Amino acid sequence: MLTGTADTGTSLLLVDQNLAETYYSAVPNARLDPTLGGFVYPCDTEVPDLTVAIGSDYMAKIPGSMITFAPADDTNETCFGGVQGNGGSGLQIFGDVLFRSQFVVFNGGNNTLGMGEKP
């Protein structure tokens, strides 16, 4: 099992590189753009949902409509994905792309994190 860090100051969802590559293989015309430093795709693409395991017993579903981070060019034709790979670093960061679709509770008292899908 991979570990991750929940970070409300991070916009993207940074995941294992293999997961990112597998996800974007299902996105029509998606490609890894080395100039922009991540996966991009045509902005008019219907992006599929993504489900991410959080802990050993929760699957967080992120609707495809919440995956796009921002336009990647001035013409708004290419978009930068909100889910990006970690380049094999082993570091996963759960940022706003995940949090927008979930109710999230941080419990500092017992150092736990709870989530539930928003309706």
N, C-alpha and C. Protein backbone atom coordinates (compact mmCIF):
# COMPACT_ATOMS: atom_id res chain seq x y z
N MET A 1 0.85 -1.18 0.00
CA MET A 1 0.00 0.00 0.00
C MET A 1 0.89 1.24 0.00
N LEU A 2 0.53 2.22 -0.82
CA LEU A 2 1.25 3.48 -0.87
C LEU A 2 0.70 4.43 0.17
N THR A 3 1.53 5.30 0.67
CA THR A 3 1.08 6.30 1.63
C THR A 3 0.95 7.64 0.92
N GLY A 4 0.17 8.53 1.52
CA GLY A 4 -0.04 9.84 0.94
C GLY A 4 -0.15 10.89 2.02
N THR A 5 -0.01 12.12 1.60
CA THR A 5 -0.13 13.27 2.49
C THR A 5 -1.32 14.10 2.06
N ALA A 6 -2.20 14.41 2.98
CA ALA A 6 -3.33 15.30 2.70
C ALA A 6 -2.84 16.73 2.88
N ASP A 7 -3.00 17.55 1.84
CA ASP A 7 -2.48 18.91 1.88
C ASP A 7 -3.49 19.87 1.27
N THR A 8 -4.14 20.65 2.11
CA THR A 8 -5.13 21.61 1.63
C THR A 8 -4.50 22.77 0.87
N GLY A 9 -3.19 22.89 0.90
CA GLY A 9 -2.50 23.94 0.16
C GLY A 9 -2.02 23.48 -1.21
N THR A 10 -2.34 22.25 -1.58
CA THR A 10 -1.94 21.72 -2.88
C THR A 10 -3.17 21.62 -3.77
N SER A 11 -3.06 22.12 -4.97
CA SER A 11 -4.20 22.12 -5.90
C SER A 11 -4.42 20.77 -6.57
N LEU A 12 -3.35 20.08 -6.89
CA LEU A 12 -3.45 18.85 -7.68
C LEU A 12 -3.55 17.60 -6.81
N LEU A 13 -3.87 16.51 -7.45
CA LEU A 13 -3.80 15.18 -6.84
C LEU A 13 -2.59 14.51 -7.45
N LEU A 14 -1.54 14.35 -6.68
CA LEU A 14 -0.30 13.75 -7.14
C LEU A 14 -0.32 12.28 -6.73
N VAL A 15 -0.29 11.39 -7.72
CA VAL A 15 -0.42 9.96 -7.48
C VAL A 15 0.76 9.19 -8.07
N ASP A 16 0.81 7.90 -7.77
CA ASP A 16 1.81 7.02 -8.35
C ASP A 16 1.83 7.20 -9.87
N GLN A 17 3.00 7.25 -10.44
CA GLN A 17 3.15 7.49 -11.88
C GLN A 17 2.37 6.49 -12.72
N ASN A 18 2.40 5.21 -12.33
CA ASN A 18 1.68 4.18 -13.08
C ASN A 18 0.18 4.43 -13.07
N LEU A 19 -0.37 4.89 -11.93
CA LEU A 19 -1.80 5.20 -11.86
C LEU A 19 -2.14 6.35 -12.80
N ALA A 20 -1.33 7.40 -12.80
CA ALA A 20 -1.57 8.54 -13.68
C ALA A 20 -1.53 8.11 -15.14
N GLU A 21 -0.54 7.33 -15.50
CA GLU A 21 -0.42 6.87 -16.89
C GLU A 21 -1.60 5.99 -17.29
N THR A 22 -2.03 5.11 -16.40
CA THR A 22 -3.18 4.26 -16.68
C THR A 22 -4.45 5.10 -16.83
N TYR A 23 -4.64 6.05 -15.94
CA TYR A 23 -5.82 6.92 -16.01
C TYR A 23 -5.85 7.68 -17.34
N TYR A 24 -4.76 8.34 -17.67
CA TYR A 24 -4.76 9.16 -18.88
C TYR A 24 -4.76 8.34 -20.16
N SER A 25 -4.46 7.06 -20.08
CA SER A 25 -4.59 6.21 -21.26
C SER A 25 -6.06 6.04 -21.64
N ALA A 26 -6.97 6.32 -20.70
CA ALA A 26 -8.41 6.24 -20.96
C ALA A 26 -9.00 7.60 -21.35
N VAL A 27 -8.17 8.63 -21.38
CA VAL A 27 -8.63 9.97 -21.76
C VAL A 27 -8.23 10.21 -23.21
N PRO A 28 -9.23 10.39 -24.10
CA PRO A 28 -8.91 10.57 -25.52
C PRO A 28 -7.95 11.74 -25.75
N ASN A 29 -6.91 11.47 -26.51
CA ASN A 29 -5.92 12.47 -26.93
C ASN A 29 -5.11 13.08 -25.78
N ALA A 30 -5.09 12.43 -24.63
CA ALA A 30 -4.25 12.91 -23.52
C ALA A 30 -2.80 12.56 -23.83
N ARG A 31 -1.91 13.40 -23.33
CA ARG A 31 -0.48 13.15 -23.54
C ARG A 31 0.31 13.80 -22.41
N LEU A 32 1.47 13.26 -22.15
CA LEU A 32 2.38 13.82 -21.17
C LEU A 32 3.18 14.90 -21.88
N ASP A 33 3.03 16.14 -21.46
CA ASP A 33 3.71 17.27 -22.09
C ASP A 33 4.90 17.69 -21.25
N PRO A 34 6.11 17.37 -21.68
CA PRO A 34 7.29 17.71 -20.88
C PRO A 34 7.49 19.21 -20.71
N THR A 35 7.02 20.00 -21.66
CA THR A 35 7.15 21.45 -21.55
C THR A 35 6.30 22.00 -20.42
N LEU A 36 5.09 21.47 -20.27
CA LEU A 36 4.18 21.92 -19.21
C LEU A 36 4.35 21.13 -17.92
N GLY A 37 5.06 20.02 -18.00
CA GLY A 37 5.34 19.24 -16.81
C GLY A 37 4.21 18.37 -16.32
N GLY A 38 3.35 17.92 -17.23
CA GLY A 38 2.28 17.03 -16.81
C GLY A 38 1.38 16.61 -17.95
N PHE A 39 0.32 15.89 -17.59
CA PHE A 39 -0.63 15.40 -18.57
C PHE A 39 -1.59 16.51 -18.99
N VAL A 40 -1.81 16.59 -20.30
CA VAL A 40 -2.75 17.55 -20.88
C VAL A 40 -3.67 16.82 -21.83
N TYR A 41 -4.78 17.45 -22.18
CA TYR A 41 -5.75 16.88 -23.10
C TYR A 41 -6.61 18.01 -23.65
N PRO A 42 -7.34 17.77 -24.75
CA PRO A 42 -8.22 18.80 -25.28
C PRO A 42 -9.29 19.18 -24.24
N CYS A 43 -9.53 20.46 -24.07
CA CYS A 43 -10.47 20.93 -23.04
C CYS A 43 -11.89 20.44 -23.26
N ASP A 44 -12.25 20.11 -24.49
CA ASP A 44 -13.62 19.64 -24.74
C ASP A 44 -13.76 18.12 -24.53
N THR A 45 -12.74 17.49 -23.99
CA THR A 45 -12.77 16.05 -23.74
C THR A 45 -13.64 15.74 -22.53
N GLU A 46 -14.45 14.71 -22.65
CA GLU A 46 -15.22 14.21 -21.50
C GLU A 46 -14.30 13.27 -20.73
N VAL A 47 -13.87 13.73 -19.56
CA VAL A 47 -12.88 13.01 -18.76
C VAL A 47 -13.59 12.00 -17.86
N PRO A 48 -13.07 10.77 -17.75
CA PRO A 48 -13.72 9.75 -16.91
C PRO A 48 -13.53 10.02 -15.41
N ASP A 49 -14.40 9.43 -14.62
CA ASP A 49 -14.26 9.49 -13.16
C ASP A 49 -12.98 8.76 -12.76
N LEU A 50 -12.50 9.07 -11.56
CA LEU A 50 -11.33 8.39 -11.01
C LEU A 50 -11.67 7.99 -9.58
N THR A 51 -11.34 6.77 -9.22
CA THR A 51 -11.53 6.30 -7.85
C THR A 51 -10.16 6.01 -7.25
N VAL A 52 -9.93 6.57 -6.06
CA VAL A 52 -8.63 6.44 -5.39
C VAL A 52 -8.84 5.80 -4.02
N ALA A 53 -8.03 4.80 -3.70
CA ALA A 53 -8.10 4.16 -2.39
C ALA A 53 -7.47 5.08 -1.35
N ILE A 54 -8.23 5.33 -0.28
CA ILE A 54 -7.74 6.11 0.85
C ILE A 54 -7.77 5.18 2.05
N GLY A 55 -6.61 4.82 2.56
CA GLY A 55 -6.57 3.85 3.64
C GLY A 55 -6.93 2.48 3.12
N SER A 56 -7.32 1.61 4.03
CA SER A 56 -7.62 0.23 3.64
C SER A 56 -9.09 -0.02 3.38
N ASP A 57 -9.96 0.97 3.67
CA ASP A 57 -11.39 0.68 3.54
C ASP A 57 -12.24 1.78 2.92
N TYR A 58 -11.62 2.75 2.25
CA TYR A 58 -12.42 3.81 1.63
C TYR A 58 -11.94 4.06 0.21
N MET A 59 -12.90 4.14 -0.72
CA MET A 59 -12.61 4.47 -2.11
C MET A 59 -13.23 5.82 -2.41
N ALA A 60 -12.39 6.81 -2.66
CA ALA A 60 -12.85 8.17 -2.95
C ALA A 60 -13.08 8.31 -4.45
N LYS A 61 -14.31 8.62 -4.83
CA LYS A 61 -14.65 8.80 -6.24
C LYS A 61 -14.58 10.29 -6.58
N ILE A 62 -13.80 10.59 -7.63
CA ILE A 62 -13.69 11.96 -8.12
C ILE A 62 -14.37 11.99 -9.49
N PRO A 63 -15.47 12.74 -9.61
CA PRO A 63 -16.14 12.82 -10.91
C PRO A 63 -15.22 13.41 -11.97
N GLY A 64 -15.32 12.90 -13.18
CA GLY A 64 -14.51 13.41 -14.27
C GLY A 64 -14.65 14.91 -14.46
N SER A 65 -15.83 15.44 -14.17
CA SER A 65 -16.06 16.89 -14.32
C SER A 65 -15.23 17.72 -13.35
N MET A 66 -14.62 17.08 -12.34
CA MET A 66 -13.80 17.80 -11.36
C MET A 66 -12.30 17.54 -11.53
N ILE A 67 -11.92 16.84 -12.59
CA ILE A 67 -10.52 16.46 -12.79
C ILE A 67 -9.70 17.59 -13.43
N THR A 68 -10.27 18.33 -14.35
CA THR A 68 -9.51 19.36 -15.06
C THR A 68 -9.06 20.45 -14.09
N PHE A 69 -7.77 20.78 -14.14
CA PHE A 69 -7.23 21.82 -13.28
C PHE A 69 -7.40 23.20 -13.90
N ALA A 70 -6.90 23.40 -15.12
CA ALA A 70 -6.95 24.72 -15.74
C ALA A 70 -6.58 24.61 -17.22
N PRO A 71 -6.98 25.63 -18.02
CA PRO A 71 -6.50 25.67 -19.40
C PRO A 71 -4.97 25.75 -19.40
N ALA A 72 -4.37 25.10 -20.38
CA ALA A 72 -2.90 25.08 -20.47
C ALA A 72 -2.38 25.99 -21.57
N ASP A 73 -3.28 26.64 -22.30
CA ASP A 73 -2.85 27.56 -23.36
C ASP A 73 -3.81 28.74 -23.43
N ASP A 74 -3.41 29.74 -24.17
CA ASP A 74 -4.20 30.97 -24.28
C ASP A 74 -5.49 30.79 -25.06
N THR A 75 -5.59 29.73 -25.85
CA THR A 75 -6.78 29.52 -26.67
C THR A 75 -7.84 28.68 -25.96
N ASN A 76 -7.52 28.18 -24.74
CA ASN A 76 -8.42 27.31 -23.98
C ASN A 76 -8.76 26.03 -24.74
N GLU A 77 -7.85 25.58 -25.60
CA GLU A 77 -8.05 24.34 -26.33
C GLU A 77 -7.42 23.14 -25.62
N THR A 78 -6.35 23.38 -24.89
CA THR A 78 -5.65 22.32 -24.17
C THR A 78 -5.76 22.58 -22.68
N CYS A 79 -6.11 21.53 -21.92
CA CYS A 79 -6.26 21.67 -20.47
C CYS A 79 -5.22 20.82 -19.74
N PHE A 80 -4.82 21.30 -18.57
CA PHE A 80 -3.88 20.62 -17.70
C PHE A 80 -4.68 19.79 -16.71
N GLY A 81 -4.36 18.51 -16.62
CA GLY A 81 -5.08 17.62 -15.73
C GLY A 81 -4.78 17.88 -14.27
N GLY A 82 -5.80 17.73 -13.45
CA GLY A 82 -5.65 17.93 -12.01
C GLY A 82 -5.07 16.72 -11.30
N VAL A 83 -4.96 15.62 -12.01
CA VAL A 83 -4.32 14.41 -11.50
C VAL A 83 -3.00 14.29 -12.24
N GLN A 84 -1.90 14.21 -11.50
CA GLN A 84 -0.59 14.12 -12.13
C GLN A 84 0.23 13.03 -11.45
N GLY A 85 1.18 12.49 -12.18
CA GLY A 85 2.05 11.45 -11.66
C GLY A 85 3.19 12.04 -10.83
N ASN A 86 3.73 11.20 -9.98
CA ASN A 86 4.81 11.62 -9.09
C ASN A 86 6.20 11.33 -9.66
N GLY A 87 6.26 10.88 -10.90
CA GLY A 87 7.54 10.61 -11.54
C GLY A 87 8.31 9.47 -10.91
N GLY A 88 7.60 8.61 -10.17
CA GLY A 88 8.24 7.47 -9.54
C GLY A 88 8.85 7.78 -8.18
N SER A 89 8.55 8.94 -7.64
CA SER A 89 9.16 9.35 -6.37
C SER A 89 8.58 8.62 -5.15
N GLY A 90 7.41 8.01 -5.31
CA GLY A 90 6.77 7.34 -4.18
C GLY A 90 5.92 8.28 -3.34
N LEU A 91 6.01 9.57 -3.58
CA LEU A 91 5.24 10.56 -2.84
C LEU A 91 3.88 10.76 -3.47
N GLN A 92 2.83 10.66 -2.67
CA GLN A 92 1.47 10.97 -3.15
C GLN A 92 0.95 12.12 -2.30
N ILE A 93 0.34 13.11 -2.96
CA ILE A 93 -0.21 14.25 -2.24
C ILE A 93 -1.67 14.38 -2.64
N PHE A 94 -2.53 14.36 -1.64
CA PHE A 94 -3.96 14.51 -1.86
C PHE A 94 -4.30 15.99 -1.69
N GLY A 95 -4.57 16.66 -2.82
CA GLY A 95 -4.87 18.08 -2.81
C GLY A 95 -6.32 18.36 -3.17
N ASP A 96 -6.55 19.59 -3.60
CA ASP A 96 -7.91 20.09 -3.83
C ASP A 96 -8.72 19.30 -4.86
N VAL A 97 -8.05 18.72 -5.85
CA VAL A 97 -8.80 17.94 -6.84
C VAL A 97 -9.56 16.81 -6.15
N LEU A 98 -8.97 16.21 -5.14
CA LEU A 98 -9.66 15.18 -4.36
C LEU A 98 -10.65 15.81 -3.39
N PHE A 99 -10.23 16.84 -2.67
CA PHE A 99 -11.05 17.42 -1.61
C PHE A 99 -12.36 18.03 -2.11
N ARG A 100 -12.37 18.54 -3.35
CA ARG A 100 -13.60 19.15 -3.88
C ARG A 100 -14.75 18.15 -3.94
N SER A 101 -14.43 16.87 -4.08
CA SER A 101 -15.47 15.86 -4.24
C SER A 101 -15.81 15.15 -2.93
N GLN A 102 -15.16 15.52 -1.83
CA GLN A 102 -15.30 14.80 -0.57
C GLN A 102 -15.59 15.74 0.60
N PHE A 103 -16.30 15.22 1.59
CA PHE A 103 -16.32 15.86 2.90
C PHE A 103 -15.07 15.34 3.60
N VAL A 104 -14.27 16.23 4.15
CA VAL A 104 -13.01 15.82 4.75
C VAL A 104 -12.95 16.34 6.18
N VAL A 105 -12.56 15.46 7.10
CA VAL A 105 -12.42 15.83 8.51
C VAL A 105 -11.01 15.50 8.96
N PHE A 106 -10.30 16.52 9.42
CA PHE A 106 -8.96 16.34 9.98
C PHE A 106 -9.11 16.29 11.49
N ASN A 107 -8.64 15.23 12.11
CA ASN A 107 -8.72 15.09 13.56
C ASN A 107 -7.29 15.06 14.10
N GLY A 108 -6.83 16.24 14.54
CA GLY A 108 -5.48 16.34 15.07
C GLY A 108 -5.30 15.64 16.40
N GLY A 109 -6.41 15.45 17.13
CA GLY A 109 -6.33 14.81 18.43
C GLY A 109 -5.82 13.38 18.37
N ASN A 110 -6.27 12.65 17.34
CA ASN A 110 -5.78 11.27 17.21
C ASN A 110 -5.07 11.05 15.88
N ASN A 111 -4.71 12.16 15.22
CA ASN A 111 -3.91 12.13 14.01
C ASN A 111 -4.56 11.27 12.91
N THR A 112 -5.86 11.49 12.66
CA THR A 112 -6.57 10.74 11.63
C THR A 112 -7.24 11.69 10.64
N LEU A 113 -7.64 11.11 9.53
CA LEU A 113 -8.32 11.83 8.47
C LEU A 113 -9.52 11.00 8.07
N GLY A 114 -10.68 11.63 7.99
CA GLY A 114 -11.88 10.93 7.55
C GLY A 114 -12.44 11.57 6.30
N MET A 115 -13.06 10.77 5.44
CA MET A 115 -13.65 11.29 4.20
C MET A 115 -14.99 10.62 3.93
N GLY A 116 -15.82 11.35 3.20
CA GLY A 116 -17.08 10.84 2.72
C GLY A 116 -17.44 11.57 1.45
N GLU A 117 -18.03 10.86 0.51
CA GLU A 117 -18.38 11.45 -0.79
C GLU A 117 -19.47 12.49 -0.65
N LYS A 118 -19.28 13.62 -1.31
CA LYS A 118 -20.32 14.65 -1.36
C LYS A 118 -21.42 14.18 -2.31
N PRO A 119 -22.66 14.53 -1.99
CA PRO A 119 -23.75 14.11 -2.90
C PRO A 119 -23.72 14.86 -4.22
